[in-house]
Amino acid sequence: MPPGRDHSGPGMPRGPLAQDVTHDVNDVSKAGIKEDAGMARTVLLLGVRADLLETVKQELQTPGTEFLSGTGEAEADQALRQAEIDHVIIGGGLDLEARAAMVREVFRSSDRATVHMKDQMSGPEGFLPFTKAVLGGLSSYEPAESPNAILRAGRPRSDAG
C-alpha cells in the first residue's frame, strides 16, 4: 500500500461480497446520468460476473440508453458486430490480456466508441459507482467527425448520408 493512503475507510468492502454488492447497488441512484431522448446511446459493459453486469444494467437503465453486456472476448466481439457502441466499460476483474484484447477489438470495430477501464482495487463493489461516474461525465458528450481525424475502423458511419 502506498504511504499515506488508508484503504480501510468507509467506502472499502467489508463482509461477504454479495452483501456489499447489493448494498452498493441500492445506495447508488441514477442521478447524474442524463436522460436525453435526443441523444440515444449504446453502452457495452464487460466484466467477469454476468450477475453483476445485469444488476448494473437494471440499476442504470434510462430512456435513450441501451445496455449490452458480456463476460468474455467472444461476447464483446458479438456486441460490436450487432450494434453501434458509444461507450465500453471494462471491469477490473478481467485479466490484463483479455482487457487489452477487448480494447483492441473496440478500436478495430469502431471509430466512435470510447473505452473506460475500471481499477482493480475497488473490486466488484466499485463497478456500479464507476459506471455511473463515467456515464454521468459523458452525458453531454456527442462526438462529431473531424476532417482531421484518423479513422481506422473502416466501418461506414450509420448516420452518413
N, C-alpha and C. Protein backbone atom coordinates (compact mmCIF):
# COMPACT_ATOMS: atom_id res chain seq x y z
N MET A 1 0.86 -1.18 0.00
CA MET A 1 0.00 0.00 0.00
C MET A 1 0.89 1.23 0.00
N PRO A 2 0.59 2.23 -0.85
CA PRO A 2 1.39 3.45 -0.88
C PRO A 2 1.31 4.17 0.45
N PRO A 3 2.42 4.79 0.88
CA PRO A 3 2.40 5.53 2.15
C PRO A 3 1.37 6.66 2.09
N GLY A 4 0.74 6.88 3.23
CA GLY A 4 -0.20 7.99 3.34
C GLY A 4 -1.59 7.69 2.81
N ARG A 5 -1.82 6.47 2.31
CA ARG A 5 -3.15 6.13 1.80
C ARG A 5 -3.77 5.08 2.70
N ASP A 6 -4.91 5.38 3.26
CA ASP A 6 -5.61 4.45 4.12
C ASP A 6 -6.72 3.80 3.31
N HIS A 7 -6.60 2.51 3.08
CA HIS A 7 -7.60 1.79 2.29
C HIS A 7 -8.61 1.06 3.15
N SER A 8 -8.73 1.45 4.41
CA SER A 8 -9.68 0.76 5.29
C SER A 8 -10.89 1.64 5.60
N GLY A 9 -11.10 2.68 4.83
CA GLY A 9 -12.17 3.64 5.09
C GLY A 9 -13.55 3.09 4.82
N PRO A 10 -14.58 3.94 4.98
CA PRO A 10 -15.97 3.51 4.88
C PRO A 10 -16.36 3.04 3.48
N GLY A 11 -15.66 3.42 2.43
CA GLY A 11 -16.03 3.01 1.08
C GLY A 11 -15.45 1.67 0.67
N MET A 12 -14.61 1.09 1.53
CA MET A 12 -13.95 -0.16 1.16
C MET A 12 -14.84 -1.34 1.54
N PRO A 13 -14.76 -2.44 0.77
CA PRO A 13 -15.61 -3.60 1.00
C PRO A 13 -15.35 -4.25 2.36
N ARG A 14 -16.41 -4.69 2.96
CA ARG A 14 -16.34 -5.44 4.21
C ARG A 14 -17.40 -6.54 4.13
N GLY A 15 -17.16 -7.64 4.79
CA GLY A 15 -18.17 -8.70 4.84
C GLY A 15 -18.29 -9.45 3.54
N PRO A 16 -19.29 -10.33 3.45
CA PRO A 16 -19.47 -11.15 2.25
C PRO A 16 -19.72 -10.29 1.02
N LEU A 17 -19.14 -10.72 -0.09
CA LEU A 17 -19.21 -9.96 -1.34
C LEU A 17 -20.65 -9.69 -1.76
N ALA A 18 -21.51 -10.67 -1.71
CA ALA A 18 -22.89 -10.48 -2.18
C ALA A 18 -23.59 -9.37 -1.41
N GLN A 19 -23.37 -9.30 -0.10
CA GLN A 19 -23.99 -8.24 0.69
C GLN A 19 -23.47 -6.87 0.27
N ASP A 20 -22.15 -6.76 0.05
CA ASP A 20 -21.57 -5.48 -0.33
C ASP A 20 -22.08 -5.01 -1.68
N VAL A 21 -22.17 -5.92 -2.66
CA VAL A 21 -22.65 -5.55 -3.98
C VAL A 21 -24.09 -5.09 -3.90
N THR A 22 -24.93 -5.84 -3.18
CA THR A 22 -26.34 -5.46 -3.04
C THR A 22 -26.46 -4.11 -2.35
N HIS A 23 -25.67 -3.90 -1.31
CA HIS A 23 -25.71 -2.63 -0.59
C HIS A 23 -25.34 -1.47 -1.51
N ASP A 24 -24.25 -1.61 -2.25
CA ASP A 24 -23.81 -0.53 -3.14
C ASP A 24 -24.84 -0.25 -4.22
N VAL A 25 -25.44 -1.29 -4.80
CA VAL A 25 -26.43 -1.11 -5.85
C VAL A 25 -27.61 -0.33 -5.32
N ASN A 26 -28.04 -0.62 -4.10
CA ASN A 26 -29.19 0.07 -3.54
C ASN A 26 -28.87 1.50 -3.12
N ASP A 27 -27.61 1.81 -2.84
CA ASP A 27 -27.24 3.15 -2.40
C ASP A 27 -26.95 4.12 -3.54
N VAL A 28 -26.74 3.62 -4.74
CA VAL A 28 -26.36 4.48 -5.86
C VAL A 28 -27.60 4.74 -6.71
N SER A 29 -27.94 5.99 -6.90
CA SER A 29 -29.11 6.33 -7.70
C SER A 29 -28.69 6.61 -9.14
N LYS A 30 -29.67 6.87 -9.99
CA LYS A 30 -29.41 7.21 -11.38
C LYS A 30 -29.00 8.67 -11.53
N ALA A 31 -28.99 9.41 -10.45
CA ALA A 31 -28.64 10.83 -10.51
C ALA A 31 -27.32 11.02 -11.21
N GLY A 32 -27.25 11.99 -12.04
CA GLY A 32 -26.01 12.28 -12.75
C GLY A 32 -25.98 11.66 -14.14
N ILE A 33 -26.85 10.70 -14.41
CA ILE A 33 -26.91 10.12 -15.75
C ILE A 33 -28.06 10.80 -16.46
N LYS A 34 -27.73 11.60 -17.42
CA LYS A 34 -28.68 12.44 -18.11
C LYS A 34 -29.62 11.60 -18.98
N GLU A 35 -30.91 11.81 -18.80
CA GLU A 35 -31.90 11.19 -19.66
C GLU A 35 -32.22 12.17 -20.77
N ASP A 36 -31.75 11.89 -21.96
CA ASP A 36 -31.94 12.79 -23.08
C ASP A 36 -32.37 11.98 -24.29
N ALA A 37 -33.64 12.02 -24.61
CA ALA A 37 -34.17 11.23 -25.71
C ALA A 37 -33.53 11.61 -27.04
N GLY A 38 -32.99 12.82 -27.13
CA GLY A 38 -32.37 13.25 -28.37
C GLY A 38 -31.00 12.63 -28.60
N MET A 39 -30.37 12.09 -27.57
CA MET A 39 -29.04 11.50 -27.70
C MET A 39 -29.08 10.05 -27.25
N ALA A 40 -29.64 9.17 -28.06
CA ALA A 40 -29.65 7.75 -27.73
C ALA A 40 -28.21 7.25 -27.76
N ARG A 41 -27.91 6.35 -26.85
CA ARG A 41 -26.56 5.81 -26.84
C ARG A 41 -26.61 4.34 -26.44
N THR A 42 -25.57 3.63 -26.85
CA THR A 42 -25.44 2.22 -26.52
C THR A 42 -24.16 2.03 -25.72
N VAL A 43 -24.29 1.36 -24.59
CA VAL A 43 -23.18 1.15 -23.67
C VAL A 43 -22.94 -0.35 -23.55
N LEU A 44 -21.69 -0.75 -23.73
CA LEU A 44 -21.29 -2.15 -23.58
C LEU A 44 -20.55 -2.30 -22.27
N LEU A 45 -21.08 -3.13 -21.38
CA LEU A 45 -20.46 -3.42 -20.09
C LEU A 45 -19.78 -4.78 -20.17
N LEU A 46 -18.50 -4.83 -19.83
CA LEU A 46 -17.74 -6.08 -19.88
C LEU A 46 -17.14 -6.36 -18.51
N GLY A 47 -17.30 -7.59 -18.05
CA GLY A 47 -16.76 -7.96 -16.75
C GLY A 47 -16.79 -9.45 -16.54
N VAL A 48 -16.35 -9.87 -15.38
CA VAL A 48 -16.24 -11.28 -15.04
C VAL A 48 -17.59 -11.88 -14.66
N ARG A 49 -18.40 -11.12 -13.92
CA ARG A 49 -19.64 -11.67 -13.35
C ARG A 49 -20.88 -11.18 -14.10
N ALA A 50 -21.55 -12.11 -14.77
CA ALA A 50 -22.77 -11.78 -15.51
C ALA A 50 -23.86 -11.24 -14.57
N ASP A 51 -23.95 -11.77 -13.36
CA ASP A 51 -24.98 -11.31 -12.42
C ASP A 51 -24.76 -9.84 -12.04
N LEU A 52 -23.52 -9.45 -11.85
CA LEU A 52 -23.21 -8.06 -11.52
C LEU A 52 -23.51 -7.14 -12.70
N LEU A 53 -23.17 -7.57 -13.91
CA LEU A 53 -23.45 -6.77 -15.11
C LEU A 53 -24.96 -6.56 -15.26
N GLU A 54 -25.76 -7.60 -15.01
CA GLU A 54 -27.22 -7.47 -15.10
C GLU A 54 -27.76 -6.50 -14.06
N THR A 55 -27.22 -6.57 -12.85
CA THR A 55 -27.65 -5.65 -11.80
C THR A 55 -27.35 -4.21 -12.18
N VAL A 56 -26.16 -3.97 -12.71
CA VAL A 56 -25.78 -2.61 -13.12
C VAL A 56 -26.67 -2.14 -14.26
N LYS A 57 -26.93 -3.01 -15.24
CA LYS A 57 -27.82 -2.65 -16.35
C LYS A 57 -29.20 -2.26 -15.84
N GLN A 58 -29.75 -3.02 -14.93
CA GLN A 58 -31.08 -2.72 -14.39
C GLN A 58 -31.07 -1.42 -13.60
N GLU A 59 -30.05 -1.23 -12.80
CA GLU A 59 -29.98 -0.05 -11.94
C GLU A 59 -29.83 1.25 -12.74
N LEU A 60 -29.10 1.20 -13.85
CA LEU A 60 -28.80 2.41 -14.60
C LEU A 60 -29.64 2.59 -15.86
N GLN A 61 -30.57 1.68 -16.11
CA GLN A 61 -31.39 1.78 -17.32
C GLN A 61 -32.17 3.09 -17.33
N THR A 62 -32.01 3.85 -18.40
CA THR A 62 -32.72 5.10 -18.57
C THR A 62 -33.21 5.18 -20.01
N PRO A 63 -34.27 5.95 -20.27
CA PRO A 63 -34.73 6.10 -21.65
C PRO A 63 -33.60 6.64 -22.53
N GLY A 64 -33.47 6.09 -23.70
CA GLY A 64 -32.46 6.56 -24.63
C GLY A 64 -31.11 5.89 -24.47
N THR A 65 -30.98 4.98 -23.50
CA THR A 65 -29.72 4.27 -23.30
C THR A 65 -29.98 2.78 -23.38
N GLU A 66 -29.23 2.10 -24.24
CA GLU A 66 -29.31 0.65 -24.33
C GLU A 66 -28.04 0.07 -23.75
N PHE A 67 -28.18 -0.92 -22.88
CA PHE A 67 -27.03 -1.59 -22.28
C PHE A 67 -26.90 -2.98 -22.86
N LEU A 68 -25.69 -3.31 -23.29
CA LEU A 68 -25.33 -4.66 -23.69
C LEU A 68 -24.26 -5.11 -22.71
N SER A 69 -24.07 -6.42 -22.57
CA SER A 69 -23.04 -6.87 -21.64
C SER A 69 -22.42 -8.17 -22.12
N GLY A 70 -21.25 -8.45 -21.57
CA GLY A 70 -20.56 -9.69 -21.89
C GLY A 70 -19.48 -9.97 -20.87
N THR A 71 -19.11 -11.26 -20.81
CA THR A 71 -18.10 -11.68 -19.84
C THR A 71 -16.83 -12.18 -20.51
N GLY A 72 -16.74 -12.06 -21.81
CA GLY A 72 -15.55 -12.53 -22.49
C GLY A 72 -15.37 -11.86 -23.85
N GLU A 73 -14.26 -12.19 -24.48
CA GLU A 73 -13.93 -11.58 -25.77
C GLU A 73 -14.97 -11.92 -26.84
N ALA A 74 -15.47 -13.15 -26.86
CA ALA A 74 -16.45 -13.55 -27.88
C ALA A 74 -17.72 -12.72 -27.76
N GLU A 75 -18.19 -12.50 -26.54
CA GLU A 75 -19.40 -11.70 -26.33
C GLU A 75 -19.16 -10.23 -26.69
N ALA A 76 -17.97 -9.74 -26.40
CA ALA A 76 -17.63 -8.36 -26.77
C ALA A 76 -17.64 -8.22 -28.28
N ASP A 77 -17.01 -9.17 -28.99
CA ASP A 77 -16.99 -9.13 -30.45
C ASP A 77 -18.40 -9.18 -31.03
N GLN A 78 -19.25 -10.04 -30.47
CA GLN A 78 -20.63 -10.15 -30.95
C GLN A 78 -21.38 -8.83 -30.76
N ALA A 79 -21.24 -8.21 -29.60
CA ALA A 79 -21.91 -6.93 -29.34
C ALA A 79 -21.42 -5.85 -30.29
N LEU A 80 -20.14 -5.84 -30.58
CA LEU A 80 -19.58 -4.83 -31.50
C LEU A 80 -20.09 -5.04 -32.93
N ARG A 81 -20.40 -6.27 -33.28
CA ARG A 81 -20.96 -6.54 -34.62
C ARG A 81 -22.44 -6.20 -34.70
N GLN A 82 -23.16 -6.35 -33.61
CA GLN A 82 -24.61 -6.18 -33.65
C GLN A 82 -25.08 -4.74 -33.43
N ALA A 83 -24.26 -3.89 -32.85
CA ALA A 83 -24.72 -2.54 -32.52
C ALA A 83 -23.61 -1.51 -32.70
N GLU A 84 -24.02 -0.28 -32.90
CA GLU A 84 -23.09 0.85 -32.92
C GLU A 84 -22.87 1.26 -31.46
N ILE A 85 -21.75 0.89 -30.90
CA ILE A 85 -21.46 1.11 -29.49
C ILE A 85 -20.88 2.51 -29.30
N ASP A 86 -21.40 3.21 -28.31
CA ASP A 86 -20.89 4.54 -27.98
C ASP A 86 -19.83 4.50 -26.90
N HIS A 87 -20.07 3.69 -25.86
CA HIS A 87 -19.16 3.64 -24.73
C HIS A 87 -18.98 2.19 -24.28
N VAL A 88 -17.74 1.83 -23.96
CA VAL A 88 -17.43 0.50 -23.45
C VAL A 88 -16.80 0.68 -22.07
N ILE A 89 -17.34 -0.06 -21.11
CA ILE A 89 -16.80 -0.02 -19.75
C ILE A 89 -16.33 -1.42 -19.41
N ILE A 90 -15.05 -1.53 -19.08
CA ILE A 90 -14.42 -2.82 -18.84
C ILE A 90 -14.07 -2.94 -17.36
N GLY A 91 -14.57 -3.99 -16.73
CA GLY A 91 -14.32 -4.22 -15.32
C GLY A 91 -12.88 -4.59 -15.02
N GLY A 92 -12.49 -4.41 -13.77
CA GLY A 92 -11.12 -4.68 -13.34
C GLY A 92 -10.82 -6.14 -13.05
N GLY A 93 -11.84 -6.98 -13.01
CA GLY A 93 -11.63 -8.39 -12.69
C GLY A 93 -11.14 -9.23 -13.85
N LEU A 94 -11.31 -8.74 -15.06
CA LEU A 94 -10.82 -9.47 -16.23
C LEU A 94 -9.30 -9.40 -16.26
N ASP A 95 -8.67 -10.48 -16.74
CA ASP A 95 -7.21 -10.44 -16.76
C ASP A 95 -6.72 -9.45 -17.81
N LEU A 96 -5.50 -9.02 -17.64
CA LEU A 96 -4.93 -7.95 -18.46
C LEU A 96 -4.96 -8.29 -19.95
N GLU A 97 -4.65 -9.53 -20.30
CA GLU A 97 -4.64 -9.91 -21.72
C GLU A 97 -6.03 -9.79 -22.33
N ALA A 98 -7.05 -10.22 -21.59
CA ALA A 98 -8.43 -10.12 -22.08
C ALA A 98 -8.84 -8.66 -22.23
N ARG A 99 -8.49 -7.84 -21.25
CA ARG A 99 -8.84 -6.42 -21.31
C ARG A 99 -8.17 -5.76 -22.52
N ALA A 100 -6.90 -6.05 -22.72
CA ALA A 100 -6.17 -5.47 -23.86
C ALA A 100 -6.79 -5.94 -25.19
N ALA A 101 -7.16 -7.21 -25.28
CA ALA A 101 -7.77 -7.73 -26.50
C ALA A 101 -9.11 -7.06 -26.76
N MET A 102 -9.88 -6.82 -25.71
CA MET A 102 -11.18 -6.15 -25.85
C MET A 102 -11.01 -4.72 -26.33
N VAL A 103 -10.05 -4.01 -25.74
CA VAL A 103 -9.79 -2.63 -26.17
C VAL A 103 -9.37 -2.62 -27.64
N ARG A 104 -8.49 -3.51 -28.01
CA ARG A 104 -8.03 -3.60 -29.39
C ARG A 104 -9.21 -3.83 -30.34
N GLU A 105 -10.10 -4.75 -29.99
CA GLU A 105 -11.24 -5.06 -30.84
C GLU A 105 -12.22 -3.88 -30.94
N VAL A 106 -12.41 -3.16 -29.85
CA VAL A 106 -13.29 -1.99 -29.89
C VAL A 106 -12.76 -0.98 -30.90
N PHE A 107 -11.47 -0.70 -30.84
CA PHE A 107 -10.92 0.32 -31.73
C PHE A 107 -10.76 -0.19 -33.16
N ARG A 108 -10.69 -1.49 -33.36
CA ARG A 108 -10.72 -2.03 -34.72
C ARG A 108 -12.12 -1.95 -35.31
N SER A 109 -13.13 -2.04 -34.46
CA SER A 109 -14.51 -2.11 -34.91
C SER A 109 -15.20 -0.76 -34.99
N SER A 110 -14.71 0.22 -34.27
CA SER A 110 -15.43 1.49 -34.18
C SER A 110 -14.48 2.68 -34.08
N ASP A 111 -14.79 3.69 -34.83
CA ASP A 111 -14.07 4.96 -34.73
C ASP A 111 -14.78 5.89 -33.75
N ARG A 112 -15.92 5.48 -33.25
CA ARG A 112 -16.76 6.32 -32.42
C ARG A 112 -16.67 5.98 -30.92
N ALA A 113 -16.51 4.71 -30.60
CA ALA A 113 -16.63 4.24 -29.22
C ALA A 113 -15.52 4.79 -28.32
N THR A 114 -15.90 5.10 -27.09
CA THR A 114 -14.93 5.43 -26.06
C THR A 114 -14.76 4.21 -25.17
N VAL A 115 -13.57 4.03 -24.59
CA VAL A 115 -13.29 2.87 -23.74
C VAL A 115 -12.85 3.35 -22.37
N HIS A 116 -13.41 2.73 -21.34
CA HIS A 116 -13.13 3.11 -19.95
C HIS A 116 -12.84 1.85 -19.15
N MET A 117 -11.66 1.82 -18.54
CA MET A 117 -11.24 0.64 -17.78
C MET A 117 -11.26 0.93 -16.29
N LYS A 118 -12.02 0.12 -15.57
CA LYS A 118 -12.14 0.27 -14.12
C LYS A 118 -10.88 -0.23 -13.42
N ASP A 119 -10.61 0.36 -12.28
CA ASP A 119 -9.49 -0.07 -11.44
C ASP A 119 -9.74 -1.49 -10.92
N GLN A 120 -8.73 -2.10 -10.37
CA GLN A 120 -8.87 -3.43 -9.77
C GLN A 120 -9.11 -3.33 -8.26
N MET A 121 -8.59 -2.29 -7.64
CA MET A 121 -8.61 -2.15 -6.19
C MET A 121 -10.02 -2.15 -5.60
N SER A 122 -10.97 -1.49 -6.25
CA SER A 122 -12.31 -1.35 -5.65
C SER A 122 -13.17 -2.59 -5.81
N GLY A 123 -12.71 -3.59 -6.54
CA GLY A 123 -13.44 -4.85 -6.66
C GLY A 123 -14.79 -4.69 -7.32
N PRO A 124 -15.59 -5.76 -7.28
CA PRO A 124 -16.90 -5.72 -7.94
C PRO A 124 -17.84 -4.67 -7.35
N GLU A 125 -17.63 -4.33 -6.07
CA GLU A 125 -18.47 -3.30 -5.44
C GLU A 125 -18.30 -1.95 -6.10
N GLY A 126 -17.17 -1.74 -6.74
CA GLY A 126 -16.90 -0.46 -7.38
C GLY A 126 -17.41 -0.34 -8.80
N PHE A 127 -17.92 -1.44 -9.37
CA PHE A 127 -18.32 -1.39 -10.79
C PHE A 127 -19.50 -0.44 -11.03
N LEU A 128 -20.52 -0.51 -10.20
CA LEU A 128 -21.68 0.38 -10.37
C LEU A 128 -21.30 1.85 -10.17
N PRO A 129 -20.62 2.21 -9.08
CA PRO A 129 -20.25 3.63 -8.93
C PRO A 129 -19.33 4.12 -10.06
N PHE A 130 -18.41 3.27 -10.52
CA PHE A 130 -17.52 3.66 -11.61
C PHE A 130 -18.32 3.89 -12.89
N THR A 131 -19.20 2.97 -13.21
CA THR A 131 -20.02 3.07 -14.42
C THR A 131 -20.89 4.32 -14.36
N LYS A 132 -21.49 4.55 -13.21
CA LYS A 132 -22.34 5.73 -13.03
C LYS A 132 -21.53 7.01 -13.23
N ALA A 133 -20.32 7.06 -12.68
CA ALA A 133 -19.48 8.25 -12.80
C ALA A 133 -19.05 8.47 -14.26
N VAL A 134 -18.67 7.41 -14.94
CA VAL A 134 -18.26 7.54 -16.34
C VAL A 134 -19.43 8.03 -17.19
N LEU A 135 -20.58 7.38 -17.06
CA LEU A 135 -21.73 7.77 -17.88
C LEU A 135 -22.24 9.15 -17.53
N GLY A 136 -22.18 9.52 -16.26
CA GLY A 136 -22.57 10.87 -15.86
C GLY A 136 -21.67 11.92 -16.47
N GLY A 137 -20.39 11.63 -16.52
CA GLY A 137 -19.43 12.56 -17.11
C GLY A 137 -19.56 12.66 -18.62
N LEU A 138 -20.05 11.61 -19.24
CA LEU A 138 -20.19 11.59 -20.70
C LEU A 138 -21.60 11.94 -21.17
N SER A 139 -22.47 12.34 -20.24
CA SER A 139 -23.87 12.54 -20.60
C SER A 139 -24.08 13.58 -21.69
N SER A 140 -23.21 14.55 -21.80
CA SER A 140 -23.39 15.57 -22.84
C SER A 140 -22.36 15.44 -23.96
N TYR A 141 -21.60 14.35 -23.95
CA TYR A 141 -20.57 14.16 -24.98
C TYR A 141 -21.17 13.48 -26.20
N GLU A 142 -21.10 14.14 -27.32
CA GLU A 142 -21.57 13.61 -28.59
C GLU A 142 -20.46 13.87 -29.60
N PRO A 143 -19.70 12.82 -29.94
CA PRO A 143 -18.58 13.05 -30.87
C PRO A 143 -19.05 13.47 -32.25
N ALA A 144 -18.33 14.40 -32.82
CA ALA A 144 -18.59 14.84 -34.19
C ALA A 144 -17.36 14.50 -35.02
N GLU A 145 -17.59 13.97 -36.19
CA GLU A 145 -16.46 13.57 -37.03
C GLU A 145 -15.66 14.79 -37.48
N SER A 146 -14.38 14.72 -37.26
CA SER A 146 -13.47 15.80 -37.61
C SER A 146 -12.83 15.51 -38.97
N PRO A 147 -12.63 16.54 -39.78
CA PRO A 147 -11.92 16.32 -41.04
C PRO A 147 -10.45 15.95 -40.79
N ASN A 148 -9.97 16.17 -39.57
CA ASN A 148 -8.59 15.86 -39.22
C ASN A 148 -8.42 14.50 -38.54
N ALA A 149 -9.54 13.80 -38.33
CA ALA A 149 -9.49 12.51 -37.63
C ALA A 149 -8.82 11.45 -38.47
N ILE A 150 -8.10 10.58 -37.81
CA ILE A 150 -7.53 9.40 -38.46
C ILE A 150 -8.44 8.24 -38.10
N LEU A 151 -9.28 7.83 -39.04
CA LEU A 151 -10.25 6.77 -38.81
C LEU A 151 -9.63 5.44 -39.20
N ARG A 152 -9.73 4.46 -38.31
CA ARG A 152 -9.08 3.17 -38.56
C ARG A 152 -10.05 2.01 -38.64
N ALA A 153 -11.25 2.16 -38.17
CA ALA A 153 -12.16 1.01 -38.10
C ALA A 153 -12.66 0.58 -39.47
N GLY A 154 -12.79 1.52 -40.39
CA GLY A 154 -13.23 1.16 -41.73
C GLY A 154 -14.70 0.82 -41.85
N ARG A 155 -15.46 1.07 -40.81
CA ARG A 155 -16.91 0.83 -40.84
C ARG A 155 -17.61 2.09 -41.30
N PRO A 156 -18.56 1.96 -42.22
CA PRO A 156 -19.31 3.15 -42.60
C PRO A 156 -20.14 3.64 -41.41
N ARG A 157 -20.20 4.93 -41.27
CA ARG A 157 -20.98 5.52 -40.18
C ARG A 157 -22.46 5.32 -40.45
N SER A 158 -23.21 5.03 -39.38
CA SER A 158 -24.64 4.78 -39.53
C SER A 158 -25.39 6.06 -39.90
N ASP A 159 -24.85 7.25 -39.55
CA ASP A 159 -25.55 8.48 -39.86
C ASP A 159 -25.03 9.16 -41.13
N ALA A 160 -24.15 8.45 -41.84
CA ALA A 160 -23.62 9.03 -43.09
C ALA A 160 -24.71 9.03 -44.15
N GLY A 161 -24.81 10.09 -44.90
CA GLY A 161 -25.87 10.23 -45.90
C GLY A 161 -25.41 9.76 -47.17
